[in-house]
Amino acid sequence: MKKGILIGCVVLLFVIFSFTGQAFAIDTFYIHTTDGDQHTDTVDTFGWNETPWLRIHLPREFLNATASWWQSPSSSYFFTGTGPGTAPDLWLSLDSGQSASGDPVNWASVRALGLWTINAAGYFADNDIYSGVTSFTVTPEPVSGLLFLLGGLALVGARKKSA
């Protein structure tokens, strides 16, 4: 009986160590938001009429595919990705995205004020997986806020005149 348990343990350890080399490695990579395709400067605050872009910088050139999940301030999810390709630098925006139900979306149809979070992953053909998280904020345009304030003041003034 003890010999059977010992052989079973040895076989189990052999199997575990044999497949350990085949495991997927998950590492982080550099991602950040920017204000345009092929732009490299980090931008983390966008006005209402600006389109955020996600820049993914993979650690090497190799056959890969990428995916990104954008979470809106109201916790709605949107997806965009690339692949297959070999470029180590990729730029993604929701102008060619999809909703959680698979419907096509663009930034103008889903933009919302507040904090957005992006989770991204890069999958290499040799089983390496890289992931990263970044966030950005969409703020109202200063001119829009000023016009709203002026409109409110005009309404208050008109109300006082009529009273």
Protein backbone atom coordinates (compact mmCIF):
# COMPACT_ATOMS: atom_id res chain seq x y z
CA MET A 1 0.00 0.00 0.00
CA LYS A 2 2.77 2.45 0.96
CA LYS A 3 4.62 1.60 -2.25
CA GLY A 4 1.52 2.50 -4.31
CA ILE A 5 1.16 5.85 -2.52
CA LEU A 6 4.85 6.60 -3.07
CA ILE A 7 4.61 5.76 -6.79
CA GLY A 8 1.46 7.88 -7.07
CA CYS A 9 3.20 10.86 -5.44
CA VAL A 10 6.22 10.50 -7.74
CA VAL A 11 3.97 10.37 -10.82
CA LEU A 12 2.00 13.39 -9.58
CA LEU A 13 5.19 15.40 -8.99
CA PHE A 14 6.50 14.36 -12.42
CA VAL A 15 3.30 15.55 -14.08
CA ILE A 16 3.31 18.84 -12.15
CA PHE A 17 6.95 19.59 -13.00
CA SER A 18 6.49 18.50 -16.62
CA PHE A 19 3.67 20.96 -17.22
CA THR A 20 5.11 23.82 -15.17
CA GLY A 21 7.28 24.84 -18.13
CA GLN A 22 4.14 25.07 -20.27
CA ALA A 23 2.31 27.43 -17.93
CA PHE A 24 1.21 30.85 -19.08
CA ALA A 25 3.28 33.72 -17.72
CA ILE A 26 1.36 36.90 -16.99
CA ASP A 27 3.47 40.04 -16.76
CA THR A 28 2.65 43.74 -16.88
CA PHE A 29 3.42 46.05 -19.77
CA TYR A 30 3.30 49.79 -20.39
CA ILE A 31 -0.08 51.27 -21.27
CA HIS A 32 -1.34 54.85 -21.02
CA THR A 33 -3.89 57.17 -22.58
CA THR A 34 -2.94 59.78 -25.15
CA ASP A 35 -4.75 62.30 -27.32
CA GLY A 36 -4.31 60.76 -30.74
CA ASP A 37 -3.25 57.88 -32.96
CA GLN A 38 0.57 57.57 -32.98
CA HIS A 39 0.92 60.12 -30.13
CA THR A 40 3.16 59.07 -27.24
CA ASP A 41 2.62 61.76 -24.58
CA THR A 42 0.51 60.69 -21.62
CA VAL A 43 -2.79 62.52 -21.28
CA ASP A 44 -5.11 61.60 -18.41
CA THR A 45 -7.79 64.32 -18.66
CA PHE A 46 -9.95 64.81 -21.74
CA GLY A 47 -12.54 67.43 -22.62
CA TRP A 48 -16.00 66.47 -23.78
CA ASN A 49 -15.10 66.86 -27.47
CA GLU A 50 -11.73 65.07 -27.28
CA THR A 51 -11.21 61.39 -28.12
CA PRO A 52 -9.00 59.36 -25.77
CA TRP A 53 -6.63 56.81 -27.26
CA LEU A 54 -4.97 53.91 -25.51
CA ARG A 55 -1.30 53.35 -26.29
CA ILE A 56 -0.03 49.83 -25.61
CA HIS A 57 3.72 49.32 -25.63
CA LEU A 58 4.49 45.61 -25.74
CA PRO A 59 7.91 44.45 -24.51
CA ARG A 60 8.97 42.93 -27.84
CA GLU A 61 8.16 42.40 -31.50
CA PHE A 62 6.49 39.04 -31.94
CA LEU A 63 3.21 37.68 -33.26
CA ASN A 64 0.56 39.07 -30.91
CA ALA A 65 -3.04 40.11 -30.46
CA THR A 66 -4.28 42.72 -27.98
CA ALA A 67 -7.56 43.45 -26.29
CA SER A 68 -8.81 46.29 -24.11
CA TRP A 69 -11.90 46.63 -21.96
CA TRP A 70 -13.03 50.19 -21.21
CA GLN A 71 -15.21 50.71 -18.12
CA SER A 72 -17.31 53.88 -18.12
CA PRO A 73 -18.14 55.91 -14.99
CA SER A 74 -21.53 54.12 -14.92
CA SER A 75 -19.78 50.70 -15.08
CA SER A 76 -20.75 49.93 -18.68
CA TYR A 77 -18.11 47.93 -20.55
CA PHE A 78 -16.79 48.41 -24.08
CA PHE A 79 -14.21 46.40 -26.02
CA THR A 80 -11.62 47.10 -28.68
CA GLY A 81 -8.59 45.14 -29.82
CA THR A 82 -6.10 44.29 -32.56
CA GLY A 83 -4.53 41.23 -34.00
CA PRO A 84 -2.76 39.36 -35.21
CA GLY A 85 0.32 41.52 -35.77
CA THR A 86 3.92 41.97 -34.74
CA ALA A 87 4.11 45.68 -33.89
CA PRO A 88 5.21 46.44 -30.32
CA ASP A 89 3.39 49.80 -30.23
CA LEU A 90 -0.38 49.87 -30.72
CA TRP A 91 -3.01 52.60 -30.44
CA LEU A 92 -6.67 51.82 -29.77
CA SER A 93 -9.76 53.99 -29.42
CA LEU A 94 -13.44 53.27 -28.98
CA ASP A 95 -14.11 54.72 -32.44
CA SER A 96 -14.01 51.09 -33.57
CA GLY A 97 -15.26 49.46 -30.39
CA GLN A 98 -18.04 47.15 -29.32
CA SER A 99 -20.47 47.19 -26.44
CA ALA A 100 -20.67 44.29 -23.99
CA SER A 101 -23.50 42.87 -26.13
CA GLY A 102 -21.34 43.04 -29.29
CA ASP A 103 -22.98 46.08 -30.88
CA PRO A 104 -20.57 48.47 -32.65
CA VAL A 105 -19.92 51.76 -30.83
CA ASN A 106 -17.85 54.87 -31.29
CA TRP A 107 -16.53 57.31 -28.70
CA ALA A 108 -19.16 60.00 -29.42
CA SER A 109 -21.97 57.53 -28.69
CA VAL A 110 -20.60 56.25 -25.35
CA ARG A 111 -18.61 59.15 -23.85
CA ALA A 112 -19.54 60.10 -20.33
CA LEU A 113 -18.18 62.54 -17.75
CA GLY A 114 -16.11 61.05 -14.96
CA LEU A 115 -13.42 58.45 -14.37
CA TRP A 116 -12.89 55.71 -16.97
CA THR A 117 -10.77 52.60 -16.38
CA ILE A 118 -9.09 50.55 -19.10
CA ASN A 119 -7.85 46.98 -18.64
CA ALA A 120 -5.69 45.73 -21.50
CA ALA A 121 -3.94 42.48 -22.37
CA GLY A 122 -1.43 41.40 -24.98
CA TYR A 123 -1.31 37.76 -26.04
CA PHE A 124 1.81 36.42 -27.75
CA ALA A 125 1.93 33.33 -29.97
CA ASP A 126 4.48 31.73 -27.61
CA ASN A 127 1.93 31.83 -24.72
CA ASP A 128 3.28 34.93 -22.96
CA ILE A 129 0.50 37.17 -21.67
CA TYR A 130 0.93 40.78 -20.61
CA SER A 131 -1.64 42.97 -18.90
CA GLY A 132 -2.02 46.50 -17.60
CA VAL A 133 -4.52 48.98 -16.19
CA THR A 134 -4.83 52.72 -16.69
CA SER A 135 -7.51 55.36 -16.21
CA PHE A 136 -8.51 58.79 -17.46
CA THR A 137 -11.09 61.44 -16.68
CA VAL A 138 -13.54 63.15 -19.02
CA THR A 139 -14.36 66.68 -17.91
CA PRO A 140 -16.81 69.25 -19.25
CA GLU A 141 -15.37 71.89 -21.55
CA PRO A 142 -14.65 75.16 -19.69
CA VAL A 143 -16.65 77.13 -22.28
CA SER A 144 -19.66 74.85 -21.80
CA GLY A 145 -19.52 75.34 -18.05
CA LEU A 146 -19.23 79.11 -18.47
CA LEU A 147 -22.19 79.21 -20.86
CA PHE A 148 -24.25 77.11 -18.42
CA LEU A 149 -23.37 79.52 -15.60
CA LEU A 150 -24.20 82.58 -17.70
CA GLY A 151 -27.52 81.04 -18.75
CA GLY A 152 -28.39 80.36 -15.11
CA LEU A 153 -27.52 83.94 -14.15
CA ALA A 154 -29.66 85.26 -17.01
CA LEU A 155 -32.62 83.18 -15.80
CA VAL A 156 -32.19 84.45 -12.24
CA GLY A 157 -31.99 88.04 -13.54
CA ALA A 158 -35.11 87.62 -15.68
CA ARG A 159 -37.00 86.10 -12.76
CA LYS A 160 -36.06 89.04 -10.47
CA LYS A 161 -37.18 91.56 -13.09
CA SER A 162 -40.56 89.93 -13.49
CA ALA A 163 -41.10 89.76 -9.72
